[in-house]
Amino acid sequence: MSTKLSLKEALGRRGKTAVASRSPSDIPEVRLLLAADQIARPVAVARFLFDHGLSLKKAHNVLGRISAGRAVPVELSGDARAVVSALARLGVSAAPIQTSQVDLRQVREALDLTQHEFATLYDIEVDTLQNWEQGRNVPDRGTMHFYRFVAAFPELSMKLVTGRLSGVTQGEKQKEKASKSR
């Protein structure tokens, strides 16, 4: 007869393990950009970040980066206003990261482009653009942020996608170098 316990029996002998009873959908997520000049109570900040969903390692990493003067985006659990005010009391400024909502049809029309021209310029399928404009599908957050940038800075976004950020393309730079070396 074997004296080894089955896994089920071994787990039964250990007793019940305490597990957080809250489900992820019960707690609203808030996306923030954290920054600080001087943190008087770093341990309290790390504990706060841990209590609101970051691992200790991640909280330590974030704390080190904001102490060095960098802005760090984080996703924490809790009510946005309460989290922002609690962080402010700890000496950390927290700015909510806003989800972009952009009417792509208005952006395209402001640029005076047809759907086909807009799709060609920004390297997307015309069908995809049509579905977005007609509300059948919604672009992901990153795409919405990009088109929010396009709406705010149309000339710069055109320079960005055409490679003319400095006013001269790479091909023109190479031609210019070749003519100078002659």
C-alpha atoms as a PDB file:
ATOM      1  CA  MET A   1       0.000   0.000   0.000  1.00  0.00           C
ATOM      2  CA  SER A   2       1.359   3.395  -0.997  1.00  0.00           C
ATOM      3  CA  THR A   3       1.840   6.101   1.610  1.00  0.00           C
ATOM      4  CA  LYS A   4       1.967   8.877  -0.986  1.00  0.00           C
ATOM      5  CA  LEU A   5      -0.980  11.230  -1.020  1.00  0.00           C
ATOM      6  CA  SER A   6      -2.763  12.115  -4.161  1.00  0.00           C
ATOM      7  CA  LEU A   7      -2.569  15.757  -5.188  1.00  0.00           C
ATOM      8  CA  LYS A   8      -6.222  16.235  -4.290  1.00  0.00           C
ATOM      9  CA  GLU A   9      -5.667  14.778  -0.803  1.00  0.00           C
ATOM     10  CA  ALA A  10      -2.516  16.863  -0.251  1.00  0.00           C
ATOM     11  CA  LEU A  11      -4.313  20.041  -1.184  1.00  0.00           C
ATOM     12  CA  GLY A  12      -7.233  19.061   1.047  1.00  0.00           C
ATOM     13  CA  ARG A  13      -4.893  18.665   4.038  1.00  0.00           C
ATOM     14  CA  ARG A  14      -3.346  22.109   3.492  1.00  0.00           C
ATOM     15  CA  GLY A  15      -6.663  23.778   4.082  1.00  0.00           C
ATOM     16  CA  LYS A  16      -8.146  26.575   2.108  1.00  0.00           C
ATOM     17  CA  THR A  17      -5.872  29.260   0.772  1.00  0.00           C
ATOM     18  CA  ALA A  18      -7.033  32.845   1.192  1.00  0.00           C
ATOM     19  CA  VAL A  19      -7.770  34.272  -2.221  1.00  0.00           C
ATOM     20  CA  ALA A  20      -8.953  37.749  -3.038  1.00  0.00           C
ATOM     21  CA  SER A  21     -12.685  37.561  -3.461  1.00  0.00           C
ATOM     22  CA  ARG A  22     -13.052  40.481  -5.812  1.00  0.00           C
ATOM     23  CA  SER A  23     -13.366  39.905  -9.507  1.00  0.00           C
ATOM     24  CA  PRO A  24     -11.445  42.137 -11.918  1.00  0.00           C
ATOM     25  CA  SER A  25     -14.677  43.493 -13.396  1.00  0.00           C
ATOM     26  CA  ASP A  26     -15.810  44.786  -9.983  1.00  0.00           C
ATOM     27  CA  ILE A  27     -12.973  47.296  -9.743  1.00  0.00           C
ATOM     28  CA  PRO A  28     -12.707  50.090 -12.288  1.00  0.00           C
ATOM     29  CA  GLU A  29      -9.306  50.547 -13.878  1.00  0.00           C
ATOM     30  CA  VAL A  30      -7.801  54.000 -14.114  1.00  0.00           C
ATOM     31  CA  ARG A  31      -4.920  54.802 -16.456  1.00  0.00           C
ATOM     32  CA  LEU A  32      -2.639  57.542 -15.153  1.00  0.00           C
ATOM     33  CA  LEU A  33       0.598  59.279 -16.013  1.00  0.00           C
ATOM     34  CA  LEU A  34       2.566  59.588 -12.771  1.00  0.00           C
ATOM     35  CA  ALA A  35       5.326  62.122 -12.092  1.00  0.00           C
ATOM     36  CA  ALA A  36       7.012  63.594  -9.030  1.00  0.00           C
ATOM     37  CA  ASP A  37       9.835  65.954  -8.197  1.00  0.00           C
ATOM     38  CA  GLN A  38      10.422  64.960  -4.595  1.00  0.00           C
ATOM     39  CA  ILE A  39       8.739  62.080  -2.754  1.00  0.00           C
ATOM     40  CA  ALA A  40       8.816  62.443   1.027  1.00  0.00           C
ATOM     41  CA  ARG A  41       7.335  59.010   1.782  1.00  0.00           C
ATOM     42  CA  PRO A  42       8.450  56.544  -0.920  1.00  0.00           C
ATOM     43  CA  VAL A  43       7.380  53.487   1.080  1.00  0.00           C
ATOM     44  CA  ALA A  44       3.854  54.872   1.371  1.00  0.00           C
ATOM     45  CA  VAL A  45       3.772  55.460  -2.394  1.00  0.00           C
ATOM     46  CA  ALA A  46       4.998  51.929  -3.112  1.00  0.00           C
ATOM     47  CA  ARG A  47       2.409  50.488  -0.715  1.00  0.00           C
ATOM     48  CA  PHE A  48      -0.325  52.567  -2.359  1.00  0.00           C
ATOM     49  CA  LEU A  49       0.679  51.342  -5.824  1.00  0.00           C
ATOM     50  CA  PHE A  50       0.734  47.747  -4.555  1.00  0.00           C
ATOM     51  CA  ASP A  51      -2.681  48.134  -2.906  1.00  0.00           C
ATOM     52  CA  HIS A  52      -4.081  49.405  -6.201  1.00  0.00           C
ATOM     53  CA  GLY A  53      -2.962  46.551  -8.401  1.00  0.00           C
ATOM     54  CA  LEU A  54       0.771  46.728  -9.115  1.00  0.00           C
ATOM     55  CA  SER A  55       3.137  43.981  -8.035  1.00  0.00           C
ATOM     56  CA  LEU A  56       5.804  44.978  -5.511  1.00  0.00           C
ATOM     57  CA  LYS A  57       8.465  44.707  -8.190  1.00  0.00           C
ATOM     58  CA  LYS A  58       6.505  46.906 -10.588  1.00  0.00           C
ATOM     59  CA  ALA A  59       5.668  49.411  -7.815  1.00  0.00           C
ATOM     60  CA  HIS A  60       9.366  49.655  -6.931  1.00  0.00           C
ATOM     61  CA  ASN A  61      10.280  50.134 -10.589  1.00  0.00           C
ATOM     62  CA  VAL A  62       7.648  52.868 -11.054  1.00  0.00           C
ATOM     63  CA  LEU A  63       8.760  54.565  -7.845  1.00  0.00           C
ATOM     64  CA  GLY A  64      12.385  54.590  -8.973  1.00  0.00           C
ATOM     65  CA  ARG A  65      11.514  56.030 -12.362  1.00  0.00           C
ATOM     66  CA  ILE A  66       9.258  58.818 -11.049  1.00  0.00           C
ATOM     67  CA  SER A  67      11.869  59.643  -8.372  1.00  0.00           C
ATOM     68  CA  ALA A  68      14.362  60.101 -11.218  1.00  0.00           C
ATOM     69  CA  GLY A  69      12.067  62.727 -12.747  1.00  0.00           C
ATOM     70  CA  ARG A  70      10.461  60.585 -15.433  1.00  0.00           C
ATOM     71  CA  ALA A  71       6.756  60.356 -16.167  1.00  0.00           C
ATOM     72  CA  VAL A  72       5.442  56.786 -15.999  1.00  0.00           C
ATOM     73  CA  PRO A  73       2.099  55.511 -17.314  1.00  0.00           C
ATOM     74  CA  VAL A  74       0.353  53.007 -15.012  1.00  0.00           C
ATOM     75  CA  GLU A  75      -2.976  51.245 -14.791  1.00  0.00           C
ATOM     76  CA  LEU A  76      -4.362  51.123 -11.261  1.00  0.00           C
ATOM     77  CA  SER A  77      -7.597  49.875  -9.765  1.00  0.00           C
ATOM     78  CA  GLY A  78      -9.995  52.156  -7.970  1.00  0.00           C
ATOM     79  CA  ASP A  79     -12.001  55.329  -8.444  1.00  0.00           C
ATOM     80  CA  ALA A  80     -10.050  57.797 -10.581  1.00  0.00           C
ATOM     81  CA  ARG A  81     -10.689  60.864  -8.405  1.00  0.00           C
ATOM     82  CA  ALA A  82      -9.857  59.049  -5.180  1.00  0.00           C
ATOM     83  CA  VAL A  83      -6.649  57.579  -6.627  1.00  0.00           C
ATOM     84  CA  VAL A  84      -5.500  60.951  -8.030  1.00  0.00           C
ATOM     85  CA  SER A  85      -6.176  62.786  -4.763  1.00  0.00           C
ATOM     86  CA  ALA A  86      -4.495  60.082  -2.653  1.00  0.00           C
ATOM     87  CA  LEU A  87      -1.399  60.195  -4.863  1.00  0.00           C
ATOM     88  CA  ALA A  88      -1.363  64.010  -4.637  1.00  0.00           C
ATOM     89  CA  ARG A  89      -1.297  63.744  -0.825  1.00  0.00           C
ATOM     90  CA  LEU A  90       1.736  61.456  -1.212  1.00  0.00           C
ATOM     91  CA  GLY A  91       3.522  63.997  -3.427  1.00  0.00           C
ATOM     92  CA  VAL A  92       2.906  62.282  -6.760  1.00  0.00           C
ATOM     93  CA  SER A  93       1.106  64.101  -9.556  1.00  0.00           C
ATOM     94  CA  ALA A  94      -1.229  61.854 -11.509  1.00  0.00           C
ATOM     95  CA  ALA A  95      -2.833  62.904 -14.782  1.00  0.00           C
ATOM     96  CA  PRO A  96      -5.556  60.659 -16.182  1.00  0.00           C
ATOM     97  CA  ILE A  97      -4.771  59.247 -19.612  1.00  0.00           C
ATOM     98  CA  GLN A  98      -7.790  59.953 -21.731  1.00  0.00           C
ATOM     99  CA  THR A  99      -9.193  57.468 -24.164  1.00  0.00           C
ATOM    100  CA  SER A 100      -9.315  59.125 -27.534  1.00  0.00           C
ATOM    101  CA  GLN A 101     -12.608  59.490 -29.291  1.00  0.00           C
ATOM    102  CA  VAL A 102     -12.173  60.833 -32.789  1.00  0.00           C
ATOM    103  CA  ASP A 103     -14.704  61.110 -35.588  1.00  0.00           C
ATOM    104  CA  LEU A 104     -12.621  59.773 -38.460  1.00  0.00           C
ATOM    105  CA  ARG A 105     -15.004  61.124 -41.076  1.00  0.00           C
ATOM    106  CA  GLN A 106     -14.496  64.648 -39.709  1.00  0.00           C
ATOM    107  CA  VAL A 107     -10.728  64.163 -39.658  1.00  0.00           C
ATOM    108  CA  ARG A 108     -10.714  62.901 -43.241  1.00  0.00           C
ATOM    109  CA  GLU A 109     -13.006  65.680 -44.447  1.00  0.00           C
ATOM    110  CA  ALA A 110     -10.919  68.329 -42.645  1.00  0.00           C
ATOM    111  CA  LEU A 111      -7.923  67.060 -44.619  1.00  0.00           C
ATOM    112  CA  ASP A 112     -10.055  67.274 -47.789  1.00  0.00           C
ATOM    113  CA  LEU A 113      -9.331  63.635 -48.681  1.00  0.00           C
ATOM    114  CA  THR A 114     -11.519  60.934 -50.147  1.00  0.00           C
ATOM    115  CA  GLN A 115     -11.798  57.626 -48.303  1.00  0.00           C
ATOM    116  CA  HIS A 116      -9.446  56.037 -50.817  1.00  0.00           C
ATOM    117  CA  GLU A 117      -6.876  58.861 -50.484  1.00  0.00           C
ATOM    118  CA  PHE A 118      -7.032  58.774 -46.674  1.00  0.00           C
ATOM    119  CA  ALA A 119      -6.660  54.971 -46.643  1.00  0.00           C
ATOM    120  CA  THR A 120      -3.697  55.185 -49.017  1.00  0.00           C
ATOM    121  CA  LEU A 121      -1.999  57.943 -47.017  1.00  0.00           C
ATOM    122  CA  TYR A 122      -2.355  56.199 -43.646  1.00  0.00           C
ATOM    123  CA  ASP A 123      -1.847  52.644 -44.942  1.00  0.00           C
ATOM    124  CA  ILE A 124      -5.213  51.105 -44.068  1.00  0.00           C
ATOM    125  CA  GLU A 125      -7.775  49.223 -46.112  1.00  0.00           C
ATOM    126  CA  VAL A 126     -10.610  51.306 -47.560  1.00  0.00           C
ATOM    127  CA  ASP A 127     -13.100  48.741 -46.213  1.00  0.00           C
ATOM    128  CA  THR A 128     -11.662  49.164 -42.725  1.00  0.00           C
ATOM    129  CA  LEU A 129     -11.997  52.950 -42.939  1.00  0.00           C
ATOM    130  CA  GLN A 130     -15.573  52.631 -44.199  1.00  0.00           C
ATOM    131  CA  ASN A 131     -16.441  50.291 -41.329  1.00  0.00           C
ATOM    132  CA  TRP A 132     -14.942  52.722 -38.819  1.00  0.00           C
ATOM    133  CA  GLU A 133     -16.735  55.716 -40.296  1.00  0.00           C
ATOM    134  CA  GLN A 134     -20.067  53.904 -40.413  1.00  0.00           C
ATOM    135  CA  GLY A 135     -19.743  52.602 -36.857  1.00  0.00           C
ATOM    136  CA  ARG A 136     -19.662  48.898 -37.702  1.00  0.00           C
ATOM    137  CA  ASN A 137     -16.214  48.545 -36.107  1.00  0.00           C
ATOM    138  CA  VAL A 138     -14.156  50.685 -33.770  1.00  0.00           C
ATOM    139  CA  PRO A 139     -10.394  51.209 -34.064  1.00  0.00           C
ATOM    140  CA  ASP A 140      -8.262  50.117 -31.110  1.00  0.00           C
ATOM    141  CA  ARG A 141      -7.006  52.696 -28.598  1.00  0.00           C
ATOM    142  CA  GLY A 142      -3.598  53.121 -30.204  1.00  0.00           C
ATOM    143  CA  THR A 143      -5.153  53.773 -33.589  1.00  0.00           C
ATOM    144  CA  MET A 144      -7.564  56.298 -32.061  1.00  0.00           C
ATOM    145  CA  HIS A 145      -4.660  58.107 -30.399  1.00  0.00           C
ATOM    146  CA  PHE A 146      -2.861  58.271 -33.737  1.00  0.00           C
ATOM    147  CA  TYR A 147      -5.898  59.752 -35.498  1.00  0.00           C
ATOM    148  CA  ARG A 148      -6.341  62.193 -32.624  1.00  0.00           C
ATOM    149  CA  PHE A 149      -2.758  63.284 -33.387  1.00  0.00           C
ATOM    150  CA  VAL A 150      -3.654  63.509 -37.107  1.00  0.00           C
ATOM    151  CA  ALA A 151      -6.636  65.735 -36.256  1.00  0.00           C
ATOM    152  CA  ALA A 152      -4.537  68.010 -34.024  1.00  0.00           C
ATOM    153  CA  PHE A 153      -1.451  68.192 -36.267  1.00  0.00           C
ATOM    154  CA  PRO A 154      -2.467  67.421 -39.850  1.00  0.00           C
ATOM    155  CA  GLU A 155       0.633  68.904 -41.525  1.00  0.00           C
ATOM    156  CA  LEU A 156       3.028  67.166 -39.160  1.00  0.00           C
ATOM    157  CA  SER A 157       1.234  63.833 -39.543  1.00  0.00           C
ATOM    158  CA  MET A 158       1.519  64.078 -43.336  1.00  0.00           C
ATOM    159  CA  LYS A 159       5.232  64.798 -42.978  1.00  0.00           C
ATOM    160  CA  LEU A 160       5.534  61.847 -40.627  1.00  0.00           C
ATOM    161  CA  VAL A 161       3.949  59.317 -42.983  1.00  0.00           C
ATOM    162  CA  THR A 162       5.817  60.631 -46.013  1.00  0.00           C
ATOM    163  CA  GLY A 163       9.225  60.747 -44.292  1.00  0.00           C
ATOM    164  CA  ARG A 164       9.547  64.500 -44.762  1.00  0.00           C
ATOM    165  CA  LEU A 165       9.950  65.449 -41.108  1.00  0.00           C
ATOM    166  CA  SER A 166      12.994  67.609 -41.776  1.00  0.00           C
ATOM    167  CA  GLY A 167      11.608  68.900 -45.052  1.00  0.00           C
ATOM    168  CA  VAL A 168      13.890  66.623 -47.077  1.00  0.00           C
ATOM    169  CA  THR A 169      13.401  62.907 -47.730  1.00  0.00           C
ATOM    170  CA  GLN A 170      16.162  60.352 -47.291  1.00  0.00           C
ATOM    171  CA  GLY A 171      16.387  59.922 -51.073  1.00  0.00           C
ATOM    172  CA  GLU A 172      16.863  63.653 -51.541  1.00  0.00           C
ATOM    173  CA  LYS A 173      19.557  63.671 -48.832  1.00  0.00           C
ATOM    174  CA  GLN A 174      21.458  60.900 -50.627  1.00  0.00           C
ATOM    175  CA  LYS A 175      21.225  62.738 -53.956  1.00  0.00           C
ATOM    176  CA  GLU A 176      22.450  65.907 -52.250  1.00  0.00           C
ATOM    177  CA  LYS A 177      25.447  64.075 -50.742  1.00  0.00           C
ATOM    178  CA  ALA A 178      26.280  62.502 -54.081  1.00  0.00           C
ATOM    179  CA  SER A 179      26.213  65.877 -55.875  1.00  0.00           C
ATOM    180  CA  LYS A 180      28.442  67.473 -53.182  1.00  0.00           C
ATOM    181  CA  SER A 181      31.048  64.725 -53.459  1.00  0.00           C
ATOM    182  CA  ARG A 182      31.471  65.307 -57.226  1.00  0.00           C
END
